[in-house]
């Protein structure tokens, strides 16, 4: 099995990923929030989508342990000036589930009760 079809730096087209720091006033209270913005031209967005599909479709269990050890997660680094625009921030995009265990990392909070990881369920029991 070929492990990585991409090295990560094959993002083609234009892709810009950055954090927007926002604030608004509501009833004399300042509300602050951050947003991640992902913008690209059609080629850049399609290239990014293809990278996400590759990560999603990878069978981590079949990857040799010397490349992806048990407990690790497939991921790619996207860097300003290489894969991303110079105005971007560095981004790591990867799998939530760990090879061999399927566990999610500890800081993960599911959006609803149907997406609990095995480690999260064990902690609350």
PDB file of N, CA and C in Angstrom:
ATOM      1  N   UNK A   1       0.838  -1.181   0.000  1.00  0.00           N
ATOM      2  CA  UNK A   1       0.000   0.000   0.000  1.00  0.00           C
ATOM      3  C   UNK A   1       0.884   1.246   0.000  1.00  0.00           C
ATOM      4  N   UNK A   2       0.625   2.139  -0.919  1.00  0.00           N
ATOM      5  CA  UNK A   2       1.336   3.420  -0.921  1.00  0.00           C
ATOM      6  C   UNK A   2       0.749   4.273   0.194  1.00  0.00           C
ATOM      7  N   UNK A   3       1.610   4.730   1.100  1.00  0.00           N
ATOM      8  CA  UNK A   3       1.120   5.446   2.276  1.00  0.00           C
ATOM      9  C   UNK A   3       0.564   6.809   1.929  1.00  0.00           C
ATOM     10  N   UNK A   4       1.385   7.711   1.473  1.00  0.00           N
ATOM     11  CA  UNK A   4       0.911   9.065   1.178  1.00  0.00           C
ATOM     12  C   UNK A   4       0.955   9.298  -0.323  1.00  0.00           C
ATOM     13  N   UNK A   5      -0.209   9.539  -0.876  1.00  0.00           N
ATOM     14  CA  UNK A   5      -0.267   9.883  -2.289  1.00  0.00           C
ATOM     15  C   UNK A   5       0.203  11.318  -2.477  1.00  0.00           C
ATOM     16  N   UNK A   6       0.036  12.105  -1.459  1.00  0.00           N
ATOM     17  CA  UNK A   6       0.451  13.505  -1.458  1.00  0.00           C
ATOM     18  C   UNK A   6       1.432  13.713  -0.326  1.00  0.00           C
ATOM     19  N   UNK A   7       2.238  14.698  -0.454  1.00  0.00           N
ATOM     20  CA  UNK A   7       3.114  15.083   0.648  1.00  0.00           C
ATOM     21  C   UNK A   7       2.490  16.235   1.423  1.00  0.00           C
ATOM     22  N   UNK A   8       1.469  16.844   0.841  1.00  0.00           N
ATOM     23  CA  UNK A   8       0.822  17.981   1.477  1.00  0.00           C
ATOM     24  C   UNK A   8       1.055  19.243   0.678  1.00  0.00           C
ATOM     25  N   UNK A   9       2.241  19.346   0.057  1.00  0.00           N
ATOM     26  CA  UNK A   9       2.565  20.588  -0.633  1.00  0.00           C
ATOM     27  C   UNK A   9       2.046  20.634  -2.064  1.00  0.00           C
ATOM     28  N   UNK A  10       1.157  19.705  -2.411  1.00  0.00           N
ATOM     29  CA  UNK A  10       0.607  19.704  -3.756  1.00  0.00           C
ATOM     30  C   UNK A  10      -0.662  20.532  -3.884  1.00  0.00           C
ATOM     31  N   UNK A  11      -0.970  21.369  -2.900  1.00  0.00           N
ATOM     32  CA  UNK A  11      -2.138  22.248  -3.025  1.00  0.00           C
ATOM     33  C   UNK A  11      -1.896  23.143  -4.238  1.00  0.00           C
ATOM     34  N   UNK A  12      -2.808  23.074  -5.165  1.00  0.00           N
ATOM     35  CA  UNK A  12      -2.693  23.886  -6.376  1.00  0.00           C
ATOM     36  C   UNK A  12      -3.705  25.020  -6.314  1.00  0.00           C
ATOM     37  N   UNK A  13      -3.489  26.026  -7.120  1.00  0.00           N
ATOM     38  CA  UNK A  13      -4.380  27.174  -7.104  1.00  0.00           C
ATOM     39  C   UNK A  13      -4.069  28.066  -5.918  1.00  0.00           C
ATOM     40  N   UNK A  14      -5.041  28.868  -5.552  1.00  0.00           N
ATOM     41  CA  UNK A  14      -4.860  29.843  -4.481  1.00  0.00           C
ATOM     42  C   UNK A  14      -5.742  29.467  -3.293  1.00  0.00           C
ATOM     43  N   UNK A  15      -5.144  29.398  -2.113  1.00  0.00           N
ATOM     44  CA  UNK A  15      -5.866  29.043  -0.894  1.00  0.00           C
ATOM     45  C   UNK A  15      -5.384  29.944   0.230  1.00  0.00           C
ATOM     46  N   UNK A  16      -6.330  30.563   0.947  1.00  0.00           N
ATOM     47  CA  UNK A  16      -6.017  31.492   2.034  1.00  0.00           C
ATOM     48  C   UNK A  16      -6.813  31.054   3.257  1.00  0.00           C
ATOM     49  N   UNK A  17      -6.126  30.789   4.362  1.00  0.00           N
ATOM     50  CA  UNK A  17      -6.770  30.372   5.607  1.00  0.00           C
ATOM     51  C   UNK A  17      -6.263  31.298   6.711  1.00  0.00           C
ATOM     52  N   UNK A  18      -7.208  31.955   7.394  1.00  0.00           N
ATOM     53  CA  UNK A  18      -6.795  32.906   8.424  1.00  0.00           C
ATOM     54  C   UNK A  18      -7.852  32.993   9.521  1.00  0.00           C
ATOM     55  N   UNK A  19      -7.472  33.600  10.638  1.00  0.00           N
ATOM     56  CA  UNK A  19      -8.363  33.804  11.774  1.00  0.00           C
ATOM     57  C   UNK A  19      -8.866  35.237  11.729  1.00  0.00           C
ATOM     58  N   UNK A  20     -10.165  35.385  11.855  1.00  0.00           N
ATOM     59  CA  UNK A  20     -10.770  36.708  11.958  1.00  0.00           C
ATOM     60  C   UNK A  20     -11.184  36.915  13.410  1.00  0.00           C
ATOM     61  N   UNK A  21     -10.600  37.920  14.057  1.00  0.00           N
ATOM     62  CA  UNK A  21     -10.945  38.257  15.440  1.00  0.00           C
ATOM     63  C   UNK A  21     -12.058  39.301  15.392  1.00  0.00           C
ATOM     64  N   UNK A  22     -13.180  39.001  16.010  1.00  0.00           N
ATOM     65  CA  UNK A  22     -14.359  39.859  15.914  1.00  0.00           C
ATOM     66  C   UNK A  22     -14.817  40.305  17.302  1.00  0.00           C
ATOM     67  N   UNK A  23     -15.475  41.447  17.326  1.00  0.00           N
ATOM     68  CA  UNK A  23     -16.132  41.882  18.551  1.00  0.00           C
ATOM     69  C   UNK A  23     -17.321  42.758  18.193  1.00  0.00           C
ATOM     70  N   UNK A  24     -18.289  42.719  19.081  1.00  0.00           N
ATOM     71  CA  UNK A  24     -19.511  43.493  18.887  1.00  0.00           C
ATOM     72  C   UNK A  24     -20.004  43.903  20.266  1.00  0.00           C
ATOM     73  N   UNK A  25     -20.751  44.977  20.309  1.00  0.00           N
ATOM     74  CA  UNK A  25     -21.301  45.440  21.576  1.00  0.00           C
ATOM     75  C   UNK A  25     -22.789  45.132  21.588  1.00  0.00           C
ATOM     76  N   UNK A  26     -23.258  44.530  22.695  1.00  0.00           N
ATOM     77  CA  UNK A  26     -24.667  44.202  22.860  1.00  0.00           C
ATOM     78  C   UNK A  26     -25.067  44.584  24.279  1.00  0.00           C
ATOM     79  N   UNK A  27     -25.956  45.572  24.398  1.00  0.00           N
ATOM     80  CA  UNK A  27     -26.388  46.050  25.716  1.00  0.00           C
ATOM     81  C   UNK A  27     -25.203  46.393  26.605  1.00  0.00           C
ATOM     82  N   UNK A  28     -24.281  47.174  26.083  1.00  0.00           N
ATOM     83  CA  UNK A  28     -23.079  47.623  26.799  1.00  0.00           C
ATOM     84  C   UNK A  28     -22.146  46.482  27.189  1.00  0.00           C
ATOM     85  N   UNK A  29     -22.334  45.317  26.626  1.00  0.00           N
ATOM     86  CA  UNK A  29     -21.438  44.191  26.867  1.00  0.00           C
ATOM     87  C   UNK A  29     -20.674  43.910  25.576  1.00  0.00           C
ATOM     88  N   UNK A  30     -19.343  43.796  25.690  1.00  0.00           N
ATOM     89  CA  UNK A  30     -18.513  43.490  24.535  1.00  0.00           C
ATOM     90  C   UNK A  30     -18.484  41.965  24.362  1.00  0.00           C
ATOM     91  N   UNK A  31     -18.877  41.521  23.191  1.00  0.00           N
ATOM     92  CA  UNK A  31     -18.863  40.095  22.852  1.00  0.00           C
ATOM     93  C   UNK A  31     -17.752  39.886  21.834  1.00  0.00           C
ATOM     94  N   UNK A  32     -16.847  38.957  22.129  1.00  0.00           N
ATOM     95  CA  UNK A  32     -15.725  38.669  21.240  1.00  0.00           C
ATOM     96  C   UNK A  32     -15.814  37.224  20.771  1.00  0.00           C
ATOM     97  N   UNK A  33     -15.424  37.004  19.518  1.00  0.00           N
ATOM     98  CA  UNK A  33     -15.368  35.654  18.971  1.00  0.00           C
ATOM     99  C   UNK A  33     -14.372  35.612  17.826  1.00  0.00           C
ATOM    100  N   UNK A  34     -13.897  34.434  17.566  1.00  0.00           N
ATOM    101  CA  UNK A  34     -12.970  34.209  16.451  1.00  0.00           C
ATOM    102  C   UNK A  34     -13.640  33.324  15.412  1.00  0.00           C
ATOM    103  N   UNK A  35     -13.261  33.515  14.179  1.00  0.00           N
ATOM    104  CA  UNK A  35     -13.716  32.675  13.085  1.00  0.00           C
ATOM    105  C   UNK A  35     -12.506  32.275  12.247  1.00  0.00           C
ATOM    106  N   UNK A  36     -12.531  31.067  11.746  1.00  0.00           N
ATOM    107  CA  UNK A  36     -11.539  30.626  10.776  1.00  0.00           C
ATOM    108  C   UNK A  36     -12.157  30.822   9.406  1.00  0.00           C
ATOM    109  N   UNK A  37     -11.483  31.528   8.536  1.00  0.00           N
ATOM    110  CA  UNK A  37     -11.977  31.755   7.181  1.00  0.00           C
ATOM    111  C   UNK A  37     -11.098  30.987   6.201  1.00  0.00           C
ATOM    112  N   UNK A  38     -11.733  30.237   5.329  1.00  0.00           N
ATOM    113  CA  UNK A  38     -11.042  29.470   4.292  1.00  0.00           C
ATOM    114  C   UNK A  38     -11.581  29.957   2.958  1.00  0.00           C
ATOM    115  N   UNK A  39     -10.711  30.590   2.185  1.00  0.00           N
ATOM    116  CA  UNK A  39     -11.099  31.114   0.886  1.00  0.00           C
ATOM    117  C   UNK A  39     -10.110  30.626  -0.161  1.00  0.00           C
ATOM    118  N   UNK A  40     -10.605  30.400  -1.352  1.00  0.00           N
ATOM    119  CA  UNK A  40      -9.718  30.020  -2.435  1.00  0.00           C
ATOM    120  C   UNK A  40     -10.385  30.207  -3.774  1.00  0.00           C
ATOM    121  N   UNK A  41      -9.559  30.158  -4.812  1.00  0.00           N
ATOM    122  CA  UNK A  41     -10.143  30.139  -6.143  1.00  0.00           C
ATOM    123  C   UNK A  41     -10.620  28.696  -6.402  1.00  0.00           C
ATOM    124  N   UNK A  42     -11.360  28.441  -7.474  1.00  0.00           N
ATOM    125  CA  UNK A  42     -11.883  27.080  -7.695  1.00  0.00           C
ATOM    126  C   UNK A  42     -10.807  26.002  -7.642  1.00  0.00           C
ATOM    127  N   UNK A  43      -9.652  26.246  -8.262  1.00  0.00           N
ATOM    128  CA  UNK A  43      -8.583  25.251  -8.260  1.00  0.00           C
ATOM    129  C   UNK A  43      -8.054  25.005  -6.839  1.00  0.00           C
ATOM    130  N   UNK A  44      -7.886  26.064  -6.066  1.00  0.00           N
ATOM    131  CA  UNK A  44      -7.395  25.924  -4.701  1.00  0.00           C
ATOM    132  C   UNK A  44      -8.371  25.184  -3.806  1.00  0.00           C
ATOM    133  N   UNK A  45      -9.658  25.513  -3.907  1.00  0.00           N
ATOM    134  CA  UNK A  45     -10.668  24.837  -3.092  1.00  0.00           C
ATOM    135  C   UNK A  45     -10.802  23.364  -3.470  1.00  0.00           C
ATOM    136  N   UNK A  46     -10.750  23.053  -4.767  1.00  0.00           N
ATOM    137  CA  UNK A  46     -10.821  21.652  -5.201  1.00  0.00           C
ATOM    138  C   UNK A  46      -9.600  20.873  -4.739  1.00  0.00           C
ATOM    139  N   UNK A  47      -8.442  21.492  -4.795  1.00  0.00           N
ATOM    140  CA  UNK A  47      -7.223  20.842  -4.344  1.00  0.00           C
ATOM    141  C   UNK A  47      -7.285  20.552  -2.842  1.00  0.00           C
ATOM    142  N   UNK A  48      -7.770  21.518  -2.068  1.00  0.00           N
ATOM    143  CA  UNK A  48      -7.954  21.343  -0.627  1.00  0.00           C
ATOM    144  C   UNK A  48      -8.973  20.233  -0.357  1.00  0.00           C
ATOM    145  N   UNK A  49     -10.068  20.224  -1.109  1.00  0.00           N
ATOM    146  CA  UNK A  49     -11.093  19.182  -0.959  1.00  0.00           C
ATOM    147  C   UNK A  49     -10.507  17.798  -1.251  1.00  0.00           C
ATOM    148  N   UNK A  50      -9.672  17.697  -2.272  1.00  0.00           N
ATOM    149  CA  UNK A  50      -9.048  16.412  -2.591  1.00  0.00           C
ATOM    150  C   UNK A  50      -8.131  15.938  -1.475  1.00  0.00           C
ATOM    151  N   UNK A  51      -7.415  16.869  -0.840  1.00  0.00           N
ATOM    152  CA  UNK A  51      -6.567  16.510   0.296  1.00  0.00           C
ATOM    153  C   UNK A  51      -7.424  15.990   1.450  1.00  0.00           C
ATOM    154  N   UNK A  52      -8.540  16.649   1.728  1.00  0.00           N
ATOM    155  CA  UNK A  52      -9.438  16.202   2.794  1.00  0.00           C
ATOM    156  C   UNK A  52     -10.008  14.825   2.490  1.00  0.00           C
ATOM    157  N   UNK A  53     -10.366  14.576   1.247  1.00  0.00           N
ATOM    158  CA  UNK A  53     -10.890  13.256   0.866  1.00  0.00           C
ATOM    159  C   UNK A  53      -9.819  12.186   1.043  1.00  0.00           C
ATOM    160  N   UNK A  54      -8.599  12.493   0.662  1.00  0.00           N
ATOM    161  CA  UNK A  54      -7.509  11.532   0.839  1.00  0.00           C
ATOM    162  C   UNK A  54      -7.317  11.176   2.316  1.00  0.00           C
ATOM    163  N   UNK A  55      -7.351  12.182   3.179  1.00  0.00           N
ATOM    164  CA  UNK A  55      -7.213  11.928   4.619  1.00  0.00           C
ATOM    165  C   UNK A  55      -8.386  11.092   5.118  1.00  0.00           C
ATOM    166  N   UNK A  56      -9.584  11.420   4.690  1.00  0.00           N
ATOM    167  CA  UNK A  56     -10.784  10.714   5.145  1.00  0.00           C
ATOM    168  C   UNK A  56     -10.804   9.269   4.677  1.00  0.00           C
ATOM    169  N   UNK A  57     -10.325   9.006   3.480  1.00  0.00           N
ATOM    170  CA  UNK A  57     -10.410   7.661   2.914  1.00  0.00           C
ATOM    171  C   UNK A  57      -9.236   6.765   3.282  1.00  0.00           C
ATOM    172  N   UNK A  58      -8.196   7.330   3.887  1.00  0.00           N
ATOM    173  CA  UNK A  58      -7.036   6.524   4.258  1.00  0.00           C
ATOM    174  C   UNK A  58      -7.423   5.496   5.318  1.00  0.00           C
ATOM    175  N   UNK A  59      -7.083   4.243   5.079  1.00  0.00           N
ATOM    176  CA  UNK A  59      -7.258   3.207   6.091  1.00  0.00           C
ATOM    177  C   UNK A  59      -6.011   3.227   6.968  1.00  0.00           C
ATOM    178  N   UNK A  60      -6.080   3.955   8.074  1.00  0.00           N
ATOM    179  CA  UNK A  60      -4.923   4.132   8.955  1.00  0.00           C
ATOM    180  C   UNK A  60      -4.395   2.805   9.475  1.00  0.00           C
ATOM    181  N   UNK A  61      -5.268   1.814   9.616  1.00  0.00           N
ATOM    182  CA  UNK A  61      -4.866   0.512  10.158  1.00  0.00           C
ATOM    183  C   UNK A  61      -3.901  -0.213   9.232  1.00  0.00           C
ATOM    184  N   UNK A  62      -3.912   0.094   7.949  1.00  0.00           N
ATOM    185  CA  UNK A  62      -3.047  -0.582   6.986  1.00  0.00           C
ATOM    186  C   UNK A  62      -1.707   0.118   6.793  1.00  0.00           C
ATOM    187  N   UNK A  63      -1.536   1.285   7.407  1.00  0.00           N
ATOM    188  CA  UNK A  63      -0.276   2.029   7.273  1.00  0.00           C
ATOM    189  C   UNK A  63       0.744   1.416   8.227  1.00  0.00           C
ATOM    190  N   UNK A  64       1.939   1.134   7.717  1.00  0.00           N
ATOM    191  CA  UNK A  64       3.011   0.555   8.516  1.00  0.00           C
ATOM    192  C   UNK A  64       3.266   1.426   9.750  1.00  0.00           C
ATOM    193  N   UNK A  65       3.469   0.773  10.895  1.00  0.00           N
ATOM    194  CA  UNK A  65       3.685   1.478  12.164  1.00  0.00           C
ATOM    195  C   UNK A  65       4.894   2.423  12.131  1.00  0.00           C
ATOM    196  N   UNK A  66       5.860   2.154  11.259  1.00  0.00           N
ATOM    197  CA  UNK A  66       7.019   3.055  11.206  1.00  0.00           C
ATOM    198  C   UNK A  66       6.637   4.411  10.607  1.00  0.00           C
ATOM    199  N   UNK A  67       5.556   4.460   9.833  1.00  0.00           N
ATOM    200  CA  UNK A  67       5.082   5.722   9.262  1.00  0.00           C
ATOM    201  C   UNK A  67       3.980   6.364  10.105  1.00  0.00           C
ATOM    202  N   UNK A  68       3.121   5.522  10.684  1.00  0.00           N
ATOM    203  CA  UNK A  68       2.005   6.019  11.490  1.00  0.00           C
ATOM    204  C   UNK A  68       1.815   5.050  12.662  1.00  0.00           C
ATOM    205  N   UNK A  69       2.426   5.353  13.804  1.00  0.00           N
ATOM    206  CA  UNK A  69       2.364   4.447  14.957  1.00  0.00           C
ATOM    207  C   UNK A  69       0.943   4.331  15.531  1.00  0.00           C
ATOM    208  N   UNK A  70       0.702   3.268  16.268  1.00  0.00           N
ATOM    209  CA  UNK A  70      -0.569   3.101  16.980  1.00  0.00           C
ATOM    210  C   UNK A  70      -0.769   4.332  17.867  1.00  0.00           C
ATOM    211  N   UNK A  71      -1.965   4.901  17.851  1.00  0.00           N
ATOM    212  CA  UNK A  71      -2.281   6.079  18.648  1.00  0.00           C
ATOM    213  C   UNK A  71      -2.070   7.395  17.908  1.00  0.00           C
ATOM    214  N   UNK A  72      -1.407   7.335  16.743  1.00  0.00           N
ATOM    215  CA  UNK A  72      -1.184   8.553  15.950  1.00  0.00           C
ATOM    216  C   UNK A  72      -2.362   8.772  15.000  1.00  0.00           C
ATOM    217  N   UNK A  73      -2.421   9.962  14.422  1.00  0.00           N
ATOM    218  CA  UNK A  73      -3.487  10.329  13.486  1.00  0.00           C
ATOM    219  C   UNK A  73      -2.869  10.891  12.217  1.00  0.00           C
ATOM    220  N   UNK A  74      -3.397  10.485  11.072  1.00  0.00           N
ATOM    221  CA  UNK A  74      -2.931  11.030   9.805  1.00  0.00           C
ATOM    222  C   UNK A  74      -3.188  12.533   9.779  1.00  0.00           C
ATOM    223  N   UNK A  75      -2.226  13.304   9.303  1.00  0.00           N
ATOM    224  CA  UNK A  75      -2.382  14.754   9.242  1.00  0.00           C
ATOM    225  C   UNK A  75      -1.409  15.352   8.231  1.00  0.00           C
ATOM    226  N   UNK A  76      -1.719  16.551   7.801  1.00  0.00           N
ATOM    227  CA  UNK A  76      -0.858  17.316   6.905  1.00  0.00           C
ATOM    228  C   UNK A  76      -0.687  18.718   7.463  1.00  0.00           C
ATOM    229  N   UNK A  77       0.506  19.265   7.271  1.00  0.00           N
ATOM    230  CA  UNK A  77       0.793  20.652   7.628  1.00  0.00           C
ATOM    231  C   UNK A  77       0.649  21.491   6.364  1.00  0.00           C
ATOM    232  N   UNK A  78      -0.118  22.552   6.457  1.00  0.00           N
ATOM    233  CA  UNK A  78      -0.264  23.498   5.356  1.00  0.00           C
ATOM    234  C   UNK A  78       0.378  24.806   5.805  1.00  0.00           C
ATOM    235  N   UNK A  79       1.388  25.241   5.062  1.00  0.00           N
ATOM    236  CA  UNK A  79       2.221  26.346   5.512  1.00  0.00           C
ATOM    237  C   UNK A  79       2.088  27.575   4.601  1.00  0.00           C
ATOM    238  N   UNK A  80       2.115  28.751   5.216  1.00  0.00           N
ATOM    239  CA  UNK A  80       2.091  29.983   4.415  1.00  0.00           C
ATOM    240  C   UNK A  80       3.276  30.024   3.444  1.00  0.00           C
ATOM    241  N   UNK A  81       2.998  30.471   2.236  1.00  0.00           N
ATOM    242  CA  UNK A  81       4.056  30.611   1.243  1.00  0.00           C
ATOM    243  C   UNK A  81       4.431  29.310   0.554  1.00  0.00           C
ATOM    244  N   UNK A  82       3.918  28.186   1.017  1.00  0.00           N
ATOM    245  CA  UNK A  82       4.218  26.897   0.377  1.00  0.00           C
ATOM    246  C   UNK A  82       2.914  26.314  -0.155  1.00  0.00           C
ATOM    247  N   UNK A  83       2.054  25.820   0.742  1.00  0.00           N
ATOM    248  CA  UNK A  83       0.749  25.316   0.313  1.00  0.00           C
ATOM    249  C   UNK A  83      -0.299  26.427   0.307  1.00  0.00           C
ATOM    250  N   UNK A  84      -0.111  27.405   1.176  1.00  0.00           N
ATOM    251  CA  UNK A  84      -1.090  28.478   1.367  1.00  0.00           C
ATOM    252  C   UNK A  84      -0.527  29.822   0.957  1.00  0.00           C
ATOM    253  N   UNK A  85      -1.412  30.809   0.876  1.00  0.00           N
ATOM    254  CA  UNK A  85      -0.977  32.172   0.569  1.00  0.00           C
ATOM    255  C   UNK A  85      -0.055  32.688   1.669  1.00  0.00           C
ATOM    256  N   UNK A  86       0.688  33.715   1.358  1.00  0.00           N
ATOM    257  CA  UNK A  86       1.562  34.342   2.354  1.00  0.00           C
ATOM    258  C   UNK A  86       0.775  35.017   3.470  1.00  0.00           C
ATOM    259  N   UNK A  87      -0.497  35.315   3.232  1.00  0.00           N
ATOM    260  CA  UNK A  87      -1.331  35.960   4.255  1.00  0.00           C
ATOM    261  C   UNK A  87      -2.030  34.953   5.167  1.00  0.00           C
ATOM    262  N   UNK A  88      -1.783  33.673   4.952  1.00  0.00           N
ATOM    263  CA  UNK A  88      -2.415  32.621   5.761  1.00  0.00           C
ATOM    264  C   UNK A  88      -1.652  32.364   7.053  1.00  0.00           C
ATOM    265  N   UNK A  89      -2.299  31.618   7.940  1.00  0.00           N
ATOM    266  CA  UNK A  89      -1.630  31.074   9.122  1.00  0.00           C
ATOM    267  C   UNK A  89      -1.328  29.600   8.846  1.00  0.00           C
ATOM    268  N   UNK A  90      -0.365  29.031   9.569  1.00  0.00           N
ATOM    269  CA  UNK A  90      -0.099  27.601   9.414  1.00  0.00           C
ATOM    270  C   UNK A  90      -1.299  26.818   9.917  1.00  0.00           C
ATOM    271  N   UNK A  91      -1.653  25.764   9.180  1.00  0.00           N
ATOM    272  CA  UNK A  91      -2.821  24.944   9.502  1.00  0.00           C
ATOM    273  C   UNK A  91      -2.399  23.483   9.485  1.00  0.00           C
ATOM    274  N   UNK A  92      -2.882  22.723  10.454  1.00  0.00           N
ATOM    275  CA  UNK A  92      -2.712  21.271  10.437  1.00  0.00           C
ATOM    276  C   UNK A  92      -4.103  20.690  10.266  1.00  0.00           C
ATOM    277  N   UNK A  93      -4.287  19.890   9.244  1.00  0.00           N
ATOM    278  CA  UNK A  93      -5.570  19.256   8.995  1.00  0.00           C
ATOM    279  C   UNK A  93      -5.353  17.749   9.084  1.00  0.00           C
ATOM    280  N   UNK A  94      -6.217  17.073   9.847  1.00  0.00           N
ATOM    281  CA  UNK A  94      -5.998  15.651  10.030  1.00  0.00           C
ATOM    282  C   UNK A  94      -7.189  14.926  10.587  1.00  0.00           C
ATOM    283  N   UNK A  95      -6.965  13.661  10.843  1.00  0.00           N
ATOM    284  CA  UNK A  95      -7.993  12.764  11.348  1.00  0.00           C
ATOM    285  C   UNK A  95      -8.216  12.979  12.835  1.00  0.00           C
ATOM    286  N   UNK A  96      -9.430  12.774  13.264  1.00  0.00           N
ATOM    287  CA  UNK A  96      -9.795  12.863  14.672  1.00  0.00           C
ATOM    288  C   UNK A  96      -9.540  11.527  15.371  1.00  0.00           C
ATOM    289  N   UNK A  97      -9.745  10.429  14.650  1.00  0.00           N
ATOM    290  CA  UNK A  97      -9.612   9.087  15.226  1.00  0.00           C
ATOM    291  C   UNK A  97      -8.166   8.593  15.140  1.00  0.00           C
ATOM    292  N   UNK A  98      -7.697   8.009  16.238  1.00  0.00           N
ATOM    293  CA  UNK A  98      -6.324   7.515  16.310  1.00  0.00           C
ATOM    294  C   UNK A  98      -6.229   6.105  15.735  1.00  0.00           C
ATOM    295  N   UNK A  99      -5.112   5.836  15.086  1.00  0.00           N
ATOM    296  CA  UNK A  99      -4.851   4.504  14.545  1.00  0.00           C
ATOM    297  C   UNK A  99      -4.803   3.491  15.682  1.00  0.00           C
ATOM    298  N   UNK A 100      -5.451   2.370  15.488  1.00  0.00           N
ATOM    299  CA  UNK A 100      -5.380   1.261  16.440  1.00  0.00           C
ATOM    300  C   UNK A 100      -6.370   1.334  17.576  1.00  0.00           C
ATOM    301  N   UNK A 101      -6.776   2.541  17.958  1.00  0.00           N
ATOM    302  CA  UNK A 101      -7.700   2.667  19.093  1.00  0.00           C
ATOM    303  C   UNK A 101      -9.011   3.325  18.701  1.00  0.00           C
ATOM    304  N   UNK A 102      -8.960   4.173  17.688  1.00  0.00           N
ATOM    305  CA  UNK A 102     -10.149   4.929  17.294  1.00  0.00           C
ATOM    306  C   UNK A 102     -10.475   6.074  18.238  1.00  0.00           C
ATOM    307  N   UNK A 103      -9.644   6.254  19.275  1.00  0.00           N
ATOM    308  CA  UNK A 103      -9.895   7.318  20.257  1.00  0.00           C
ATOM    309  C   UNK A 103      -9.727   8.693  19.641  1.00  0.00           C
ATOM    310  N   UNK A 104     -10.507   9.629  20.150  1.00  0.00           N
ATOM    311  CA  UNK A 104     -10.352  11.035  19.800  1.00  0.00           C
ATOM    312  C   UNK A 104      -9.459  11.652  20.869  1.00  0.00           C
ATOM    313  N   UNK A 105      -8.849  12.794  20.582  1.00  0.00           N
ATOM    314  CA  UNK A 105      -7.990  13.425  21.577  1.00  0.00           C
ATOM    315  C   UNK A 105      -8.837  13.985  22.724  1.00  0.00           C
ATOM    316  N   UNK A 106      -8.183  14.226  23.865  1.00  0.00           N
ATOM    317  CA  UNK A 106      -8.877  14.555  25.112  1.00  0.00           C
ATOM    318  C   UNK A 106      -9.675  15.853  25.073  1.00  0.00           C
ATOM    319  N   UNK A 107      -9.253  16.840  24.330  1.00  0.00           N
ATOM    320  CA  UNK A 107      -9.956  18.130  24.346  1.00  0.00           C
ATOM    321  C   UNK A 107     -11.221  18.125  23.499  1.00  0.00           C
ATOM    322  N   UNK A 108     -11.451  17.051  22.760  1.00  0.00           N
ATOM    323  CA  UNK A 108     -12.604  16.986  21.864  1.00  0.00           C
ATOM    324  C   UNK A 108     -13.912  16.928  22.645  1.00  0.00           C
ATOM    325  N   UNK A 109     -14.859  17.773  22.275  1.00  0.00           N
ATOM    326  CA  UNK A 109     -16.209  17.764  22.842  1.00  0.00           C
ATOM    327  C   UNK A 109     -17.167  17.558  21.676  1.00  0.00           C
ATOM    328  N   UNK A 110     -17.898  16.461  21.660  1.00  0.00           N
ATOM    329  CA  UNK A 110     -18.775  16.190  20.524  1.00  0.00           C
ATOM    330  C   UNK A 110     -19.902  17.207  20.413  1.00  0.00           C
ATOM    331  N   UNK A 111     -20.400  17.362  19.188  1.00  0.00           N
ATOM    332  CA  UNK A 111     -21.486  18.318  18.973  1.00  0.00           C
ATOM    333  C   UNK A 111     -22.816  17.776  19.466  1.00  0.00           C
ATOM    334  N   UNK A 112     -22.955  16.468  19.563  1.00  0.00           N
ATOM    335  CA  UNK A 112     -24.154  15.866  20.145  1.00  0.00           C
ATOM    336  C   UNK A 112     -23.804  14.505  20.725  1.00  0.00           C
ATOM    337  N   UNK A 113     -24.729  13.903  21.427  1.00  0.00           N
ATOM    338  CA  UNK A 113     -24.444  12.675  22.163  1.00  0.00           C
ATOM    339  C   UNK A 113     -24.237  11.450  21.275  1.00  0.00           C
ATOM    340  N   UNK A 114     -24.502  11.541  19.978  1.00  0.00           N
ATOM    341  CA  UNK A 114     -24.311  10.383  19.102  1.00  0.00           C
ATOM    342  C   UNK A 114     -22.891  10.286  18.575  1.00  0.00           C
ATOM    343  N   UNK A 115     -22.020  11.255  18.871  1.00  0.00           N
ATOM    344  CA  UNK A 115     -20.660  11.266  18.350  1.00  0.00           C
ATOM    345  C   UNK A 115     -19.603  11.121  19.443  1.00  0.00           C
ATOM    346  N   UNK A 116     -19.931  10.490  20.564  1.00  0.00           N
ATOM    347  CA  UNK A 116     -18.954  10.315  21.633  1.00  0.00           C
ATOM    348  C   UNK A 116     -17.838   9.381  21.185  1.00  0.00           C
ATOM    349  N   UNK A 117     -16.608   9.714  21.532  1.00  0.00           N
ATOM    350  CA  UNK A 117     -15.501   8.799  21.302  1.00  0.00           C
ATOM    351  C   UNK A 117     -15.479   7.795  22.447  1.00  0.00           C
ATOM    352  N   UNK A 118     -14.812   6.667  22.228  1.00  0.00           N
ATOM    353  CA  UNK A 118     -14.744   5.642  23.272  1.00  0.00           C
ATOM    354  C   UNK A 118     -14.029   6.163  24.511  1.00  0.00           C
ATOM    355  N   UNK A 119     -12.987   6.971  24.345  1.00  0.00           N
ATOM    356  CA  UNK A 119     -12.272   7.487  25.514  1.00  0.00           C
ATOM    357  C   UNK A 119     -13.133   8.490  26.281  1.00  0.00           C
ATOM    358  N   UNK A 120     -13.937   9.299  25.583  1.00  0.00           N
ATOM    359  CA  UNK A 120     -14.789  10.278  26.243  1.00  0.00           C
ATOM    360  C   UNK A 120     -15.876   9.570  27.051  1.00  0.00           C
ATOM    361  N   UNK A 121     -16.472   8.537  26.485  1.00  0.00           N
ATOM    362  CA  UNK A 121     -17.508   7.768  27.185  1.00  0.00           C
ATOM    363  C   UNK A 121     -16.916   7.117  28.421  1.00  0.00           C
ATOM    364  N   UNK A 122     -15.697   6.563  28.305  1.00  0.00           N
ATOM    365  CA  UNK A 122     -15.061   5.922  29.455  1.00  0.00           C
ATOM    366  C   UNK A 122     -14.825   6.912  30.591  1.00  0.00           C
ATOM    367  N   UNK A 123     -14.507   8.159  30.266  1.00  0.00           N
ATOM    368  CA  UNK A 123     -14.254   9.158  31.302  1.00  0.00           C
ATOM    369  C   UNK A 123     -15.507   9.535  32.073  1.00  0.00           C
ATOM    370  N   UNK A 124     -16.646   9.515  31.410  1.00  0.00           N
ATOM    371  CA  UNK A 124     -17.855   9.945  32.094  1.00  0.00           C
ATOM    372  C   UNK A 124     -18.565   8.784  32.809  1.00  0.00           C
ATOM    373  N   UNK A 125     -18.154   7.562  32.519  1.00  0.00           N
ATOM    374  CA  UNK A 125     -18.774   6.409  33.193  1.00  0.00           C
ATOM    375  C   UNK A 125     -18.127   6.145  34.492  1.00  0.00           C
TER     376      UNK A 125
END
